[in-house]
PDB file of N, CA and C in Angstrom:
ATOM      1  N   GLN A   1       0.824  -1.171   0.000  1.00  0.00           N
ATOM      2  CA  GLN A   1       0.000   0.000   0.000  1.00  0.00           C
ATOM      3  C   GLN A   1       0.879   1.249   0.000  1.00  0.00           C
ATOM      4  N   VAL A   2       0.326   2.327  -0.488  1.00  0.00           N
ATOM      5  CA  VAL A   2       1.034   3.595  -0.497  1.00  0.00           C
ATOM      6  C   VAL A   2       1.235   4.071   0.931  1.00  0.00           C
ATOM      7  N   GLY A   3       2.460   4.478   1.231  1.00  0.00           N
ATOM      8  CA  GLY A   3       2.763   5.005   2.560  1.00  0.00           C
ATOM      9  C   GLY A   3       3.078   3.943   3.593  1.00  0.00           C
ATOM     10  N   GLN A   4       2.942   2.665   3.227  1.00  0.00           N
ATOM     11  CA  GLN A   4       3.231   1.601   4.180  1.00  0.00           C
ATOM     12  C   GLN A   4       4.741   1.363   4.210  1.00  0.00           C
ATOM     13  N   ARG A   5       5.302   1.279   5.387  1.00  0.00           N
ATOM     14  CA  ARG A   5       6.742   1.089   5.538  1.00  0.00           C
ATOM     15  C   ARG A   5       7.083  -0.391   5.537  1.00  0.00           C
ATOM     16  N   THR A   6       8.158  -0.727   4.854  1.00  0.00           N
ATOM     17  CA  THR A   6       8.640  -2.096   4.827  1.00  0.00           C
ATOM     18  C   THR A   6       9.600  -2.291   5.996  1.00  0.00           C
ATOM     19  N   PRO A   7       9.397  -3.341   6.804  1.00  0.00           N
ATOM     20  CA  PRO A   7      10.305  -3.572   7.923  1.00  0.00           C
ATOM     21  C   PRO A   7      11.729  -3.802   7.429  1.00  0.00           C
ATOM     22  N   LYS A   8      12.691  -3.283   8.152  1.00  0.00           N
ATOM     23  CA  LYS A   8      14.101  -3.444   7.834  1.00  0.00           C
ATOM     24  C   LYS A   8      14.798  -4.095   9.022  1.00  0.00           C
ATOM     25  N   ALA A   9      15.873  -4.774   8.756  1.00  0.00           N
ATOM     26  CA  ALA A   9      16.676  -5.383   9.814  1.00  0.00           C
ATOM     27  C   ALA A   9      18.083  -4.818   9.747  1.00  0.00           C
ATOM     28  N   GLN A  10      18.657  -4.625  10.890  1.00  0.00           N
ATOM     29  CA  GLN A  10      20.027  -4.145  10.983  1.00  0.00           C
ATOM     30  C   GLN A  10      20.760  -5.066  11.947  1.00  0.00           C
ATOM     31  N   GLN A  11      21.969  -5.410  11.614  1.00  0.00           N
ATOM     32  CA  GLN A  11      22.773  -6.259  12.483  1.00  0.00           C
ATOM     33  C   GLN A  11      24.088  -5.556  12.745  1.00  0.00           C
ATOM     34  N   SER A  12      24.513  -5.567  13.992  1.00  0.00           N
ATOM     35  CA  SER A  12      25.767  -4.922  14.345  1.00  0.00           C
ATOM     36  C   SER A  12      26.334  -5.565  15.595  1.00  0.00           C
ATOM     37  N   ASN A  13      27.653  -5.627  15.677  1.00  0.00           N
ATOM     38  CA  ASN A  13      28.277  -6.078  16.913  1.00  0.00           C
ATOM     39  C   ASN A  13      28.720  -4.877  17.746  1.00  0.00           C
ATOM     40  N   PHE A  14      28.332  -3.689  17.320  1.00  0.00           N
ATOM     41  CA  PHE A  14      28.626  -2.449  18.032  1.00  0.00           C
ATOM     42  C   PHE A  14      27.440  -2.185  18.949  1.00  0.00           C
ATOM     43  N   VAL A  15      27.544  -2.678  20.183  1.00  0.00           N
ATOM     44  CA  VAL A  15      26.408  -2.691  21.114  1.00  0.00           C
ATOM     45  C   VAL A  15      25.840  -1.304  21.347  1.00  0.00           C
ATOM     46  N   SER A  16      26.686  -0.296  21.496  1.00  0.00           N
ATOM     47  CA  SER A  16      26.162   1.044  21.768  1.00  0.00           C
ATOM     48  C   SER A  16      25.323   1.567  20.604  1.00  0.00           C
ATOM     49  N   LEU A  17      25.628   1.182  19.365  1.00  0.00           N
ATOM     50  CA  LEU A  17      24.819   1.570  18.212  1.00  0.00           C
ATOM     51  C   LEU A  17      23.436   0.933  18.286  1.00  0.00           C
ATOM     52  N   VAL A  18      23.398  -0.349  18.613  1.00  0.00           N
ATOM     53  CA  VAL A  18      22.125  -1.066  18.718  1.00  0.00           C
ATOM     54  C   VAL A  18      21.281  -0.479  19.846  1.00  0.00           C
ATOM     55  N   VAL A  19      21.903  -0.228  20.986  1.00  0.00           N
ATOM     56  CA  VAL A  19      21.193   0.356  22.134  1.00  0.00           C
ATOM     57  C   VAL A  19      20.635   1.730  21.764  1.00  0.00           C
ATOM     58  N   GLN A  20      21.451   2.567  21.146  1.00  0.00           N
ATOM     59  CA  GLN A  20      20.999   3.912  20.800  1.00  0.00           C
ATOM     60  C   GLN A  20      19.857   3.872  19.790  1.00  0.00           C
ATOM     61  N   ALA A  21      19.916   2.949  18.832  1.00  0.00           N
ATOM     62  CA  ALA A  21      18.822   2.817  17.863  1.00  0.00           C
ATOM     63  C   ALA A  21      17.519   2.464  18.572  1.00  0.00           C
ATOM     64  N   ALA A  22      17.580   1.572  19.547  1.00  0.00           N
ATOM     65  CA  ALA A  22      16.372   1.215  20.308  1.00  0.00           C
ATOM     66  C   ALA A  22      15.888   2.400  21.134  1.00  0.00           C
ATOM     67  N   LEU A  23      16.817   3.114  21.775  1.00  0.00           N
ATOM     68  CA  LEU A  23      16.435   4.286  22.570  1.00  0.00           C
ATOM     69  C   LEU A  23      15.830   5.392  21.702  1.00  0.00           C
ATOM     70  N   ASP A  24      16.252   5.470  20.439  1.00  0.00           N
ATOM     71  CA  ASP A  24      15.728   6.470  19.511  1.00  0.00           C
ATOM     72  C   ASP A  24      14.444   6.015  18.810  1.00  0.00           C
ATOM     73  N   ASN A  25      13.847   4.929  19.313  1.00  0.00           N
ATOM     74  CA  ASN A  25      12.587   4.390  18.773  1.00  0.00           C
ATOM     75  C   ASN A  25      12.694   3.993  17.306  1.00  0.00           C
ATOM     76  N   MET A  26      13.869   3.505  16.918  1.00  0.00           N
ATOM     77  CA  MET A  26      14.040   3.038  15.550  1.00  0.00           C
ATOM     78  C   MET A  26      13.631   1.577  15.401  1.00  0.00           C
ATOM     79  N   GLY A  27      13.284   0.940  16.496  1.00  0.00           N
ATOM     80  CA  GLY A  27      12.865  -0.457  16.441  1.00  0.00           C
ATOM     81  C   GLY A  27      13.162  -1.164  17.747  1.00  0.00           C
ATOM     82  N   VAL A  28      13.271  -2.457  17.655  1.00  0.00           N
ATOM     83  CA  VAL A  28      13.561  -3.287  18.812  1.00  0.00           C
ATOM     84  C   VAL A  28      14.922  -3.937  18.608  1.00  0.00           C
ATOM     85  N   ALA A  29      15.482  -4.458  19.689  1.00  0.00           N
ATOM     86  CA  ALA A  29      16.800  -5.077  19.602  1.00  0.00           C
ATOM     87  C   ALA A  29      16.839  -6.311  20.484  1.00  0.00           C
ATOM     88  N   THR A  30      17.625  -7.282  20.078  1.00  0.00           N
ATOM     89  CA  THR A  30      17.906  -8.414  20.951  1.00  0.00           C
ATOM     90  C   THR A  30      19.255  -8.137  21.602  1.00  0.00           C
ATOM     91  N   LEU A  31      19.236  -8.067  22.911  1.00  0.00           N
ATOM     92  CA  LEU A  31      20.428  -7.734  23.680  1.00  0.00           C
ATOM     93  C   LEU A  31      20.572  -8.715  24.838  1.00  0.00           C
ATOM     94  N   LEU A  32      21.760  -8.842  25.332  1.00  0.00           N
ATOM     95  CA  LEU A  32      21.958  -9.630  26.535  1.00  0.00           C
ATOM     96  C   LEU A  32      21.283  -8.936  27.707  1.00  0.00           C
ATOM     97  N   ARG A  33      20.811  -9.730  28.640  1.00  0.00           N
ATOM     98  CA  ARG A  33      20.130  -9.176  29.809  1.00  0.00           C
ATOM     99  C   ARG A  33      21.028  -8.180  30.536  1.00  0.00           C
ATOM    100  N   SER A  34      22.324  -8.459  30.616  1.00  0.00           N
ATOM    101  CA  SER A  34      23.242  -7.561  31.324  1.00  0.00           C
ATOM    102  C   SER A  34      23.276  -6.173  30.690  1.00  0.00           C
ATOM    103  N   VAL A  35      23.162  -6.091  29.365  1.00  0.00           N
ATOM    104  CA  VAL A  35      23.126  -4.794  28.680  1.00  0.00           C
ATOM    105  C   VAL A  35      21.826  -4.084  29.021  1.00  0.00           C
ATOM    106  N   GLN A  36      20.729  -4.806  28.962  1.00  0.00           N
ATOM    107  CA  GLN A  36      19.419  -4.219  29.269  1.00  0.00           C
ATOM    108  C   GLN A  36      19.365  -3.711  30.703  1.00  0.00           C
ATOM    109  N   GLN A  37      19.911  -4.466  31.626  1.00  0.00           N
ATOM    110  CA  GLN A  37      19.833  -4.099  33.043  1.00  0.00           C
ATOM    111  C   GLN A  37      20.646  -2.855  33.382  1.00  0.00           C
ATOM    112  N   ARG A  38      21.714  -2.595  32.634  1.00  0.00           N
ATOM    113  CA  ARG A  38      22.540  -1.423  32.952  1.00  0.00           C
ATOM    114  C   ARG A  38      22.238  -0.224  32.069  1.00  0.00           C
ATOM    115  N   THR A  39      21.180  -0.307  31.250  1.00  0.00           N
ATOM    116  CA  THR A  39      20.848   0.779  30.335  1.00  0.00           C
ATOM    117  C   THR A  39      19.487   1.363  30.682  1.00  0.00           C
ATOM    118  N   PRO A  40      19.455   2.552  31.312  1.00  0.00           N
ATOM    119  CA  PRO A  40      18.170   3.187  31.614  1.00  0.00           C
ATOM    120  C   PRO A  40      17.382   3.435  30.326  1.00  0.00           C
ATOM    121  N   GLY A  41      16.096   3.170  30.381  1.00  0.00           N
ATOM    122  CA  GLY A  41      15.241   3.409  29.226  1.00  0.00           C
ATOM    123  C   GLY A  41      15.029   2.197  28.338  1.00  0.00           C
ATOM    124  N   ILE A  42      15.803   1.132  28.571  1.00  0.00           N
ATOM    125  CA  ILE A  42      15.632  -0.104  27.801  1.00  0.00           C
ATOM    126  C   ILE A  42      14.826  -1.070  28.653  1.00  0.00           C
ATOM    127  N   VAL A  43      13.741  -1.573  28.103  1.00  0.00           N
ATOM    128  CA  VAL A  43      12.868  -2.503  28.811  1.00  0.00           C
ATOM    129  C   VAL A  43      13.078  -3.893  28.230  1.00  0.00           C
ATOM    130  N   GLY A  44      13.347  -4.847  29.094  1.00  0.00           N
ATOM    131  CA  GLY A  44      13.560  -6.222  28.648  1.00  0.00           C
ATOM    132  C   GLY A  44      12.263  -6.998  28.574  1.00  0.00           C
ATOM    133  N   VAL A  45      12.085  -7.730  27.498  1.00  0.00           N
ATOM    134  CA  VAL A  45      10.951  -8.633  27.328  1.00  0.00           C
ATOM    135  C   VAL A  45      11.543  -9.990  26.936  1.00  0.00           C
ATOM    136  N   PRO A  46      11.484 -10.979  27.826  1.00  0.00           N
ATOM    137  CA  PRO A  46      12.134 -12.256  27.534  1.00  0.00           C
ATOM    138  C   PRO A  46      11.423 -13.020  26.415  1.00  0.00           C
ATOM    139  N   PHE A  47      12.192 -13.809  25.687  1.00  0.00           N
ATOM    140  CA  PHE A  47      11.606 -14.704  24.693  1.00  0.00           C
ATOM    141  C   PHE A  47      10.850 -15.805  25.411  1.00  0.00           C
ATOM    142  N   ARG A  48       9.678 -16.119  24.920  1.00  0.00           N
ATOM    143  CA  ARG A  48       8.878 -17.228  25.445  1.00  0.00           C
ATOM    144  C   ARG A  48       8.467 -18.089  24.280  1.00  0.00           C
ATOM    145  N   PRO A  49       8.932 -19.303  24.214  1.00  0.00           N
ATOM    146  CA  PRO A  49       9.821 -19.980  25.139  1.00  0.00           C
ATOM    147  C   PRO A  49      11.243 -19.436  25.007  1.00  0.00           C
ATOM    148  N   ALA A  50      12.054 -19.722  26.027  1.00  0.00           N
ATOM    149  CA  ALA A  50      13.449 -19.271  26.020  1.00  0.00           C
ATOM    150  C   ALA A  50      14.169 -19.816  24.792  1.00  0.00           C
ATOM    151  N   GLN A  51      15.068 -19.029  24.246  1.00  0.00           N
ATOM    152  CA  GLN A  51      15.795 -19.419  23.040  1.00  0.00           C
ATOM    153  C   GLN A  51      17.219 -19.818  23.387  1.00  0.00           C
ATOM    154  N   GLN A  52      17.693 -20.873  22.758  1.00  0.00           N
ATOM    155  CA  GLN A  52      19.077 -21.305  22.906  1.00  0.00           C
ATOM    156  C   GLN A  52      19.936 -20.479  21.960  1.00  0.00           C
ATOM    157  N   MET A  53      21.061 -19.979  22.428  1.00  0.00           N
ATOM    158  CA  MET A  53      21.948 -19.182  21.586  1.00  0.00           C
ATOM    159  C   MET A  53      23.277 -19.901  21.467  1.00  0.00           C
ATOM    160  N   SER A  54      23.858 -19.854  20.290  1.00  0.00           N
ATOM    161  CA  SER A  54      25.192 -20.421  20.121  1.00  0.00           C
ATOM    162  C   SER A  54      26.079 -19.375  19.461  1.00  0.00           C
ATOM    163  N   PHE A  55      27.339 -19.414  19.806  1.00  0.00           N
ATOM    164  CA  PHE A  55      28.309 -18.455  19.294  1.00  0.00           C
ATOM    165  C   PHE A  55      29.489 -19.208  18.711  1.00  0.00           C
ATOM    166  N   ARG A  56      30.114 -18.621  17.736  1.00  0.00           N
ATOM    167  CA  ARG A  56      31.308 -19.191  17.133  1.00  0.00           C
ATOM    168  C   ARG A  56      32.387 -18.119  17.053  1.00  0.00           C
ATOM    169  N   LEU A  57      33.613 -18.515  17.253  1.00  0.00           N
ATOM    170  CA  LEU A  57      34.744 -17.625  17.051  1.00  0.00           C
ATOM    171  C   LEU A  57      35.383 -17.991  15.721  1.00  0.00           C
ATOM    172  N   CYS A  58      35.626 -17.010  14.892  1.00  0.00           N
ATOM    173  CA  CYS A  58      36.209 -17.252  13.575  1.00  0.00           C
ATOM    174  C   CYS A  58      37.314 -16.247  13.307  1.00  0.00           C
ATOM    175  N   TRP A  59      38.307 -16.679  12.584  1.00  0.00           N
ATOM    176  CA  TRP A  59      39.365 -15.780  12.137  1.00  0.00           C
ATOM    177  C   TRP A  59      40.014 -16.408  10.919  1.00  0.00           C
ATOM    178  N   ARG A  60      40.645 -15.577  10.115  1.00  0.00           N
ATOM    179  CA  ARG A  60      41.293 -16.055   8.903  1.00  0.00           C
ATOM    180  C   ARG A  60      42.594 -16.769   9.255  1.00  0.00           C
ATOM    181  N   SER A  61      42.750 -17.950   8.710  1.00  0.00           N
ATOM    182  CA  SER A  61      43.963 -18.720   8.932  1.00  0.00           C
ATOM    183  C   SER A  61      45.178 -17.954   8.414  1.00  0.00           C
ATOM    184  N   GLY A  62      46.202 -17.883   9.237  1.00  0.00           N
ATOM    185  CA  GLY A  62      47.429 -17.224   8.826  1.00  0.00           C
ATOM    186  C   GLY A  62      47.413 -15.711   8.938  1.00  0.00           C
ATOM    187  N   GLU A  63      46.278 -15.117   9.313  1.00  0.00           N
ATOM    188  CA  GLU A  63      46.188 -13.659   9.452  1.00  0.00           C
ATOM    189  C   GLU A  63      46.636 -13.243  10.851  1.00  0.00           C
ATOM    190  N   TYR A  64      47.025 -11.995  10.971  1.00  0.00           N
ATOM    191  CA  TYR A  64      47.455 -11.432  12.248  1.00  0.00           C
ATOM    192  C   TYR A  64      46.306 -11.426  13.254  1.00  0.00           C
ATOM    193  N   LEU A  65      46.598 -11.856  14.469  1.00  0.00           N
ATOM    194  CA  LEU A  65      45.663 -11.742  15.582  1.00  0.00           C
ATOM    195  C   LEU A  65      46.353 -10.946  16.679  1.00  0.00           C
ATOM    196  N   SER A  66      45.659  -9.980  17.225  1.00  0.00           N
ATOM    197  CA  SER A  66      46.231  -9.194  18.314  1.00  0.00           C
ATOM    198  C   SER A  66      46.432 -10.082  19.533  1.00  0.00           C
ATOM    199  N   LEU A  67      47.261  -9.634  20.439  1.00  0.00           N
ATOM    200  CA  LEU A  67      47.493 -10.371  21.674  1.00  0.00           C
ATOM    201  C   LEU A  67      46.185 -10.537  22.449  1.00  0.00           C
ATOM    202  N   ALA A  68      45.369  -9.493  22.465  1.00  0.00           N
ATOM    203  CA  ALA A  68      44.076  -9.572  23.164  1.00  0.00           C
ATOM    204  C   ALA A  68      43.188 -10.643  22.538  1.00  0.00           C
ATOM    205  N   SER A  69      43.166 -10.725  21.218  1.00  0.00           N
ATOM    206  CA  SER A  69      42.361 -11.744  20.534  1.00  0.00           C
ATOM    207  C   SER A  69      42.868 -13.138  20.866  1.00  0.00           C
ATOM    208  N   LYS A  70      44.192 -13.319  20.827  1.00  0.00           N
ATOM    209  CA  LYS A  70      44.780 -14.627  21.148  1.00  0.00           C
ATOM    210  C   LYS A  70      44.448 -15.035  22.585  1.00  0.00           C
ATOM    211  N   ARG A  71      44.541 -14.090  23.489  1.00  0.00           N
ATOM    212  CA  ARG A  71      44.238 -14.402  24.896  1.00  0.00           C
ATOM    213  C   ARG A  71      42.772 -14.751  25.085  1.00  0.00           C
ATOM    214  N   PHE A  72      41.876 -14.071  24.363  1.00  0.00           N
ATOM    215  CA  PHE A  72      40.455 -14.400  24.464  1.00  0.00           C
ATOM    216  C   PHE A  72      40.195 -15.797  23.915  1.00  0.00           C
ATOM    217  N   ILE A  73      40.810 -16.135  22.792  1.00  0.00           N
ATOM    218  CA  ILE A  73      40.652 -17.474  22.210  1.00  0.00           C
ATOM    219  C   ILE A  73      41.146 -18.528  23.192  1.00  0.00           C
ATOM    220  N   ASP A  74      42.308 -18.289  23.798  1.00  0.00           N
ATOM    221  CA  ASP A  74      42.849 -19.224  24.794  1.00  0.00           C
ATOM    222  C   ASP A  74      41.902 -19.359  25.986  1.00  0.00           C
ATOM    223  N   PHE A  75      41.389 -18.234  26.460  1.00  0.00           N
ATOM    224  CA  PHE A  75      40.448 -18.250  27.590  1.00  0.00           C
ATOM    225  C   PHE A  75      39.203 -19.065  27.241  1.00  0.00           C
ATOM    226  N   ALA A  76      38.643 -18.823  26.067  1.00  0.00           N
ATOM    227  CA  ALA A  76      37.437 -19.533  25.662  1.00  0.00           C
ATOM    228  C   ALA A  76      37.704 -21.035  25.541  1.00  0.00           C
ATOM    229  N   ALA A  77      38.861 -21.390  25.017  1.00  0.00           N
ATOM    230  CA  ALA A  77      39.208 -22.804  24.873  1.00  0.00           C
ATOM    231  C   ALA A  77      39.422 -23.461  26.240  1.00  0.00           C
ATOM    232  N   GLN A  78      40.093 -22.775  27.151  1.00  0.00           N
ATOM    233  CA  GLN A  78      40.380 -23.334  28.476  1.00  0.00           C
ATOM    234  C   GLN A  78      39.125 -23.502  29.321  1.00  0.00           C
ATOM    235  N   THR A  79      38.159 -22.651  29.129  1.00  0.00           N
ATOM    236  CA  THR A  79      36.922 -22.751  29.910  1.00  0.00           C
ATOM    237  C   THR A  79      35.897 -23.656  29.240  1.00  0.00           C
ATOM    238  N   HIS A  80      36.276 -24.240  28.111  1.00  0.00           N
ATOM    239  CA  HIS A  80      35.417 -25.121  27.329  1.00  0.00           C
ATOM    240  C   HIS A  80      34.172 -24.407  26.819  1.00  0.00           C
ATOM    241  N   TYR A  81      34.237 -23.079  26.766  1.00  0.00           N
ATOM    242  CA  TYR A  81      33.117 -22.293  26.275  1.00  0.00           C
ATOM    243  C   TYR A  81      32.792 -22.647  24.837  1.00  0.00           C
ATOM    244  N   LEU A  82      33.818 -22.947  24.046  1.00  0.00           N
ATOM    245  CA  LEU A  82      33.614 -23.233  22.622  1.00  0.00           C
ATOM    246  C   LEU A  82      32.966 -24.600  22.386  1.00  0.00           C
ATOM    247  N   GLU A  83      32.937 -25.444  23.401  1.00  0.00           N
ATOM    248  CA  GLU A  83      32.402 -26.797  23.241  1.00  0.00           C
ATOM    249  C   GLU A  83      30.941 -26.911  23.641  1.00  0.00           C
ATOM    250  N   ARG A  84      30.366 -25.836  24.134  1.00  0.00           N
ATOM    251  CA  ARG A  84      28.971 -25.904  24.608  1.00  0.00           C
ATOM    252  C   ARG A  84      28.015 -25.939  23.454  1.00  0.00           C
TER     253      ARG A  84
END
């Protein structure tokens, strides 16, 4: 219809951008509870039923990794986080 807006999706790993977009009434966002709890003006609505989330760490083979990245990868591997 004329004047009807088509829904758009935006994805970002820049959390402050996602939070600000939600605060500016540009839409809704899926955020970790910890982000919602420390951000005034953001209201959390849990998924029902609860959703399982999985994460993967990826990097280009043979490419430079910063020391911080290497340490995070080691930490994730040692805590078996990557095996869940």
